[in-house]
Amino acid sequence: MQSLMWRRLTLTEFRAMNGKAAPGGGGGGAMHISLGKDGAQFPIKRFLESGNSTTWSVETPAFKGNAQNTELTFAGNPNRRGGEWLIRDQFTHRHPIWSGANGFPKVYDPQDPPYIFVAKVGKRFAVSWATEASLRAIPTTPARILTAAKGVVDVSANFLERLGIVPAKVADEFDCAPTPELDFDPASLADARKRVFASIHQRQGQGAFRRKVLLAYNKQCALTGSDVSYTLDAAHIVPYKGKKTNTVSNGILLRTDVHNLFDIGLIGIDPDTYRVRIGGEIGKSLYAELDNKKIALPIDQKKWPAKAYLAFHFDRCRF
């Protein structure tokens, strides 16, 4: 489920974001963005999952396509305008995505006012912005966004993508996935070894597919060169969806740890250059040495990873 909070900025809020007083000379000193009171039409507390707290911060990506995060702080003052919520200081601590460097308007146009957005996908948050004209040009824009100054609404993944927010980053899905808690039964230890072996074989790849990928890559990891067969997996580039995806061009031989990072989108392969790209979250780890490294390709060009499959995976990585 993905939901979206929006605020169509008034001239007063726009000026506050630029450290200027409101029209007429009053206000503007707080430099915050006024949102409104929590309620059925604007359920901000439910959106933030803030409970009874009157101050709540969320982590959001600092830049599109960047793993670095920045904090966005919301506050609900029960003594201000009946409990109005706001986004704190967006002048000296303005969110980078709402800055001129990211194309945010420098001049307020009342005929085409800017909107700010905070999206929630699962437990993660991201921000974006758009002008009214650009929103009207998107067929999937919910009507409420165009008629109401603020609100919270469920939205499609397609609409978020049009705002530059990609909801289906694989690493996000992995981070948010629940970890099942299984009861420990000592009586089951006799079968534990069989289950471990079955799990390893499943992870390494289906029999015929694994053998073909092993031979294509000369039994060496395409990224690290590791040649210990027990640590090598025949990884699918596009996730396994039956026999039709068990083609060598949809496979790549990876060491198990690299396979894990590949599957959750923290390692990708540029489809145009066949060079490795790693996510910022592991950029200072031992895996940094893999960044920009060209992968080892099969001798038979027909068995190279298909560019279309690499592009599918690459677009879902979190860099």
Protein backbone atom coordinates (compact mmCIF):
# COMPACT_ATOMS: atom_id res chain seq x y z
CA MET A 1 0.00 0.00 0.00
CA GLN A 2 1.25 3.48 -0.83
CA SER A 3 -0.29 6.71 0.35
CA LEU A 4 0.48 10.35 -0.30
CA MET A 5 0.19 13.53 1.75
CA TRP A 6 0.11 16.79 -0.18
CA ARG A 7 0.05 20.52 0.43
CA ARG A 8 -0.63 23.08 -2.29
CA LEU A 9 1.55 25.97 -1.20
CA THR A 10 0.14 29.41 -0.62
CA LEU A 11 2.20 32.52 -1.21
CA THR A 12 2.67 32.83 2.58
CA GLU A 13 4.17 29.34 2.86
CA PHE A 14 6.28 29.84 -0.24
CA ARG A 15 7.71 33.03 1.22
CA ALA A 16 8.31 31.30 4.57
CA MET A 17 10.38 28.64 2.75
CA ASN A 18 12.49 31.51 1.42
CA GLY A 19 12.84 33.24 4.80
CA LYS A 20 10.55 36.12 3.93
CA ALA A 21 7.59 37.65 5.72
CA ALA A 22 4.05 36.95 4.62
CA PRO A 23 2.39 39.39 2.22
CA GLY A 24 1.52 42.54 4.13
CA GLY A 25 4.61 42.28 6.33
CA GLY A 26 3.41 39.90 9.04
CA GLY A 27 4.59 36.39 9.85
CA GLY A 28 7.12 34.37 7.92
CA GLY A 29 9.57 34.18 10.80
CA ALA A 30 8.85 30.54 11.66
CA MET A 31 9.80 29.42 8.15
CA HIS A 32 7.63 26.34 8.42
CA ILE A 33 4.96 24.88 6.13
CA SER A 34 1.50 24.96 7.65
CA LEU A 35 -0.47 21.78 7.06
CA GLY A 36 -3.70 21.87 9.06
CA LYS A 37 -5.51 20.04 11.82
CA ASP A 38 -5.65 16.28 12.03
CA GLY A 39 -9.06 14.94 11.04
CA ALA A 40 -11.03 12.74 8.68
CA GLN A 41 -10.08 14.81 5.62
CA PHE A 42 -6.48 15.20 6.73
CA PRO A 43 -5.48 12.17 8.86
CA ILE A 44 -1.87 13.20 9.31
CA LYS A 45 -1.37 11.34 12.59
CA ARG A 46 -2.50 8.09 11.02
CA PHE A 47 -0.32 8.79 7.97
CA LEU A 48 2.77 9.42 10.11
CA GLU A 49 1.84 6.72 12.64
CA SER A 50 2.81 9.24 15.30
CA GLY A 51 0.41 8.04 18.00
CA ASN A 52 -0.04 10.69 20.68
CA SER A 53 3.26 12.42 19.92
CA THR A 54 3.13 16.09 18.95
CA THR A 55 6.56 16.02 17.30
CA TRP A 56 7.47 13.34 14.78
CA SER A 57 10.46 12.91 12.46
CA VAL A 58 10.79 10.64 9.44
CA GLU A 59 13.81 9.70 7.35
CA THR A 60 13.51 10.32 3.60
CA PRO A 61 15.99 10.09 0.70
CA ALA A 62 17.93 13.35 0.42
CA PHE A 63 18.08 13.13 -3.37
CA LYS A 64 16.30 11.05 -5.97
CA GLY A 65 18.15 7.82 -6.56
CA ASN A 66 20.50 8.42 -3.61
CA ALA A 67 20.71 6.23 -0.52
CA GLN A 68 21.66 9.16 1.73
CA ASN A 69 18.76 10.16 4.00
CA THR A 70 17.63 13.43 5.51
CA GLU A 71 15.20 14.05 8.34
CA LEU A 72 11.83 15.75 7.98
CA THR A 73 10.22 16.91 11.23
CA PHE A 74 6.48 17.39 11.75
CA ALA A 75 4.96 19.13 14.75
CA GLY A 76 1.40 19.44 16.02
CA ASN A 77 0.92 22.31 18.47
CA PRO A 78 -2.35 21.97 20.44
CA ASN A 79 -2.13 25.68 21.30
CA ARG A 80 -1.78 26.88 17.71
CA ARG A 81 -4.89 27.31 15.59
CA GLY A 82 -6.74 24.48 17.28
CA GLY A 83 -3.94 21.95 16.94
CA GLU A 84 -2.46 22.74 13.55
CA TRP A 85 0.30 20.49 12.23
CA LEU A 86 3.28 21.83 10.30
CA ILE A 87 6.56 20.82 8.74
CA ARG A 88 9.31 22.52 10.68
CA ASP A 89 11.89 24.98 9.36
CA GLN A 90 12.00 24.63 5.60
CA PHE A 91 14.27 27.64 5.12
CA THR A 92 17.57 26.93 6.87
CA HIS A 93 16.83 23.17 6.89
CA ARG A 94 14.88 22.88 3.68
CA HIS A 95 14.61 19.38 2.27
CA PRO A 96 17.09 19.07 -0.65
CA ILE A 97 14.40 17.81 -3.03
CA TRP A 98 12.42 21.01 -2.37
CA SER A 99 15.36 23.20 -3.35
CA GLY A 100 16.19 25.23 -6.42
CA ALA A 101 18.99 22.76 -7.18
CA ASN A 102 16.28 20.18 -7.80
CA GLY A 103 14.22 22.55 -9.95
CA PHE A 104 11.87 23.81 -7.23
CA PRO A 105 10.38 27.17 -8.34
CA LYS A 106 12.20 30.30 -7.23
CA VAL A 107 9.25 32.55 -8.03
CA TYR A 108 5.68 31.91 -6.90
CA ASP A 109 3.13 31.67 -9.71
CA PRO A 110 -0.46 31.90 -8.38
CA GLN A 111 -1.72 30.49 -11.70
CA ASP A 112 0.51 27.43 -11.34
CA PRO A 113 1.28 26.96 -7.62
CA PRO A 114 3.74 24.33 -6.44
CA TYR A 115 2.68 21.27 -4.45
CA ILE A 116 4.85 19.43 -1.96
CA PHE A 117 4.37 15.70 -1.43
CA VAL A 118 5.34 13.22 1.26
CA ALA A 119 4.78 9.62 0.18
CA LYS A 120 4.62 6.55 2.40
CA VAL A 121 5.35 3.13 0.94
CA GLY A 122 5.12 0.43 3.58
CA LYS A 123 7.12 1.91 6.45
CA ARG A 124 9.30 4.15 4.31
CA PHE A 125 8.84 7.80 3.37
CA ALA A 126 9.95 9.88 0.39
CA VAL A 127 9.26 13.42 -0.81
CA SER A 128 8.65 15.11 -4.13
CA TRP A 129 7.07 18.22 -5.60
CA ALA A 130 5.18 19.27 -8.72
CA THR A 131 3.34 22.26 -10.11
CA GLU A 132 -0.41 22.26 -10.64
CA ALA A 133 -0.01 22.31 -14.42
CA SER A 134 2.24 19.25 -14.39
CA LEU A 135 -0.23 17.40 -12.15
CA ARG A 136 -3.11 18.16 -14.51
CA ALA A 137 -1.06 16.62 -17.32
CA ILE A 138 -0.82 13.28 -15.47
CA PRO A 139 -3.89 11.13 -16.23
CA THR A 140 -3.63 9.22 -12.94
CA THR A 141 -3.60 12.29 -10.66
CA PRO A 142 -6.34 11.80 -8.04
CA ALA A 143 -9.05 14.45 -8.42
CA ARG A 144 -8.83 15.40 -4.73
CA ILE A 145 -5.27 16.59 -5.15
CA LEU A 146 -6.41 19.13 -7.71
CA THR A 147 -9.43 20.35 -5.74
CA ALA A 148 -8.22 20.35 -2.12
CA ALA A 149 -5.33 22.36 -0.73
CA LYS A 150 -4.13 19.47 1.43
CA GLY A 151 -4.96 15.90 2.24
CA VAL A 152 -3.90 12.27 2.41
CA VAL A 153 -4.94 9.77 -0.24
CA ASP A 154 -4.03 6.28 -1.42
CA VAL A 155 -2.30 6.40 -4.80
CA SER A 156 -1.11 4.03 -7.51
CA ALA A 157 2.51 3.04 -7.97
CA ASN A 158 2.29 4.54 -11.46
CA PHE A 159 1.37 7.96 -10.06
CA LEU A 160 4.24 7.88 -7.57
CA GLU A 161 6.63 7.02 -10.37
CA ARG A 162 5.37 10.04 -12.33
CA LEU A 163 6.33 12.12 -9.29
CA GLY A 164 9.81 10.59 -9.37
CA ILE A 165 9.18 8.26 -6.43
CA VAL A 166 9.82 4.61 -7.27
CA PRO A 167 7.91 2.55 -4.69
CA ALA A 168 9.22 -0.87 -5.62
CA LYS A 169 12.92 -0.60 -4.80
CA VAL A 170 13.88 -4.15 -3.98
CA ALA A 171 16.04 -3.30 -0.97
CA ASP A 172 13.12 -1.39 0.55
CA GLU A 173 10.90 -4.43 0.14
CA PHE A 174 13.56 -6.60 1.74
CA ASP A 175 14.04 -4.23 4.68
CA CYS A 176 10.29 -4.04 5.32
CA ALA A 177 9.56 -7.72 4.92
CA PRO A 178 8.50 -9.39 8.20
CA THR A 179 10.80 -12.05 9.59
CA PRO A 180 8.77 -15.09 10.63
CA GLU A 181 9.44 -16.36 14.14
CA LEU A 182 9.46 -20.15 14.19
CA ASP A 183 9.12 -22.29 17.27
CA PHE A 184 12.24 -24.26 18.13
CA ASP A 185 11.59 -27.98 18.43
CA PRO A 186 14.61 -30.07 19.49
CA ALA A 187 12.87 -33.15 18.12
CA SER A 188 13.17 -31.76 14.64
CA LEU A 189 17.00 -31.65 14.72
CA ALA A 190 17.23 -35.03 13.02
CA ASP A 191 15.80 -33.54 9.85
CA ALA A 192 17.56 -30.21 10.14
CA ARG A 193 20.53 -31.23 8.05
CA LYS A 194 18.29 -32.38 5.20
CA ARG A 195 16.47 -29.06 5.25
CA VAL A 196 19.78 -27.15 5.22
CA PHE A 197 21.00 -29.09 2.20
CA ALA A 198 17.65 -28.59 0.42
CA SER A 199 17.84 -24.86 1.13
CA ILE A 200 21.38 -24.65 -0.26
CA HIS A 201 20.44 -26.54 -3.42
CA GLN A 202 17.39 -24.32 -3.94
CA ARG A 203 19.47 -21.18 -3.47
CA GLN A 204 22.21 -22.38 -5.80
CA GLY A 205 19.71 -22.85 -8.62
CA GLN A 206 17.66 -25.51 -10.35
CA GLY A 207 19.73 -28.49 -11.53
CA ALA A 208 19.98 -28.07 -15.31
CA PHE A 209 19.96 -24.27 -15.10
CA ARG A 210 22.77 -24.30 -12.53
CA ARG A 211 24.91 -26.64 -14.62
CA LYS A 212 24.51 -24.48 -17.73
CA VAL A 213 25.37 -21.27 -15.89
CA LEU A 214 28.36 -22.88 -14.15
CA LEU A 215 29.77 -23.99 -17.50
CA ALA A 216 29.04 -20.67 -19.20
CA TYR A 217 31.01 -18.77 -16.55
CA ASN A 218 33.79 -21.35 -16.29
CA LYS A 219 32.73 -22.10 -12.70
CA GLN A 220 33.81 -18.65 -11.50
CA CYS A 221 31.81 -15.81 -9.95
CA ALA A 222 31.30 -13.14 -12.62
CA LEU A 223 32.11 -10.36 -10.14
CA THR A 224 34.69 -11.73 -7.73
CA GLY A 225 36.32 -14.59 -9.63
CA SER A 226 35.64 -16.97 -6.74
CA ASP A 227 35.86 -20.58 -7.94
CA VAL A 228 34.71 -22.54 -4.87
CA SER A 229 31.66 -24.25 -6.32
CA TYR A 230 29.93 -24.71 -2.95
CA THR A 231 29.76 -20.90 -2.61
CA LEU A 232 28.49 -20.22 -6.14
CA ASP A 233 24.86 -19.63 -7.09
CA ALA A 234 23.22 -19.62 -10.49
CA ALA A 235 21.36 -16.35 -9.94
CA HIS A 236 18.34 -15.28 -11.96
CA ILE A 237 18.54 -11.70 -13.22
CA VAL A 238 14.79 -11.42 -13.68
CA PRO A 239 13.21 -13.35 -10.78
CA TYR A 240 12.32 -16.98 -11.44
CA LYS A 241 8.85 -17.36 -12.94
CA GLY A 242 8.91 -20.90 -14.24
CA LYS A 243 10.95 -22.73 -16.85
CA LYS A 244 10.82 -19.86 -19.35
CA THR A 245 13.09 -17.80 -17.06
CA ASN A 246 15.62 -20.62 -16.74
CA THR A 247 17.66 -19.47 -19.73
CA VAL A 248 21.39 -18.84 -19.49
CA SER A 249 20.90 -15.27 -20.74
CA ASN A 250 18.76 -14.69 -17.63
CA GLY A 251 21.43 -16.14 -15.38
CA ILE A 252 24.71 -15.04 -13.90
CA LEU A 253 27.09 -16.94 -11.65
CA LEU A 254 27.56 -15.17 -8.33
CA ARG A 255 29.15 -15.92 -5.00
CA THR A 256 26.39 -16.40 -2.43
CA ASP A 257 26.96 -13.13 -0.54
CA VAL A 258 27.07 -11.18 -3.80
CA HIS A 259 23.91 -13.00 -4.93
CA ASN A 260 22.11 -11.80 -1.78
CA LEU A 261 23.10 -8.17 -2.42
CA PHE A 262 22.17 -8.54 -6.10
CA ASP A 263 18.72 -9.89 -5.24
CA ILE A 264 17.89 -7.07 -2.81
CA GLY A 265 19.08 -4.40 -5.23
CA LEU A 266 22.27 -3.18 -3.60
CA ILE A 267 24.40 -4.48 -6.46
CA GLY A 268 23.46 -3.97 -10.09
CA ILE A 269 25.06 -4.32 -13.51
CA ASP A 270 24.84 -1.50 -16.04
CA PRO A 271 23.21 -3.05 -19.13
CA ASP A 272 25.17 -0.83 -21.51
CA THR A 273 28.66 -1.31 -20.09
CA TYR A 274 28.40 -4.55 -18.09
CA ARG A 275 30.04 -2.69 -15.23
CA VAL A 276 29.07 -3.17 -11.60
CA ARG A 277 27.35 -0.46 -9.62
CA ILE A 278 26.85 -0.72 -5.88
CA GLY A 279 24.38 1.00 -3.57
CA GLY A 280 25.52 3.77 -1.24
CA GLU A 281 24.63 1.69 1.79
CA ILE A 282 27.53 -0.67 1.05
CA GLY A 283 29.74 1.98 -0.57
CA LYS A 284 32.23 1.98 2.32
CA SER A 285 32.30 -1.77 2.81
CA LEU A 286 34.59 -4.39 1.32
CA TYR A 287 32.25 -4.51 -1.67
CA ALA A 288 33.38 -1.01 -2.71
CA GLU A 289 36.17 -2.61 -4.74
CA LEU A 290 33.54 -4.08 -7.06
CA ASP A 291 32.12 -0.69 -8.06
CA ASN A 292 32.67 0.07 -11.77
CA LYS A 293 34.33 -3.29 -12.31
CA LYS A 294 33.44 -4.99 -15.58
CA ILE A 295 31.99 -8.43 -15.03
CA ALA A 296 33.57 -11.55 -16.50
CA LEU A 297 31.43 -12.62 -19.45
CA PRO A 298 31.03 -16.07 -21.01
CA ILE A 299 33.22 -16.86 -24.02
CA ASP A 300 30.09 -17.62 -26.01
CA GLN A 301 28.43 -14.25 -26.59
CA LYS A 302 25.04 -15.95 -26.98
CA LYS A 303 25.25 -16.77 -23.28
CA TRP A 304 25.94 -13.23 -22.12
CA PRO A 305 23.32 -11.72 -19.81
CA ALA A 306 20.59 -10.16 -21.93
CA LYS A 307 20.66 -6.36 -21.75
CA ALA A 308 16.88 -6.22 -21.36
CA TYR A 309 17.07 -8.46 -18.28
CA LEU A 310 19.94 -6.46 -16.77
CA ALA A 311 18.02 -3.23 -17.39
CA PHE A 312 14.95 -4.63 -15.61
CA HIS A 313 17.05 -5.45 -12.56
CA PHE A 314 19.13 -2.26 -12.73
CA ASP A 315 16.04 -0.03 -12.67
CA ARG A 316 14.90 -1.64 -9.43
CA CYS A 317 18.19 -1.23 -7.58
CA ARG A 318 18.73 1.29 -4.80
CA PHE A 319 21.79 3.36 -5.66
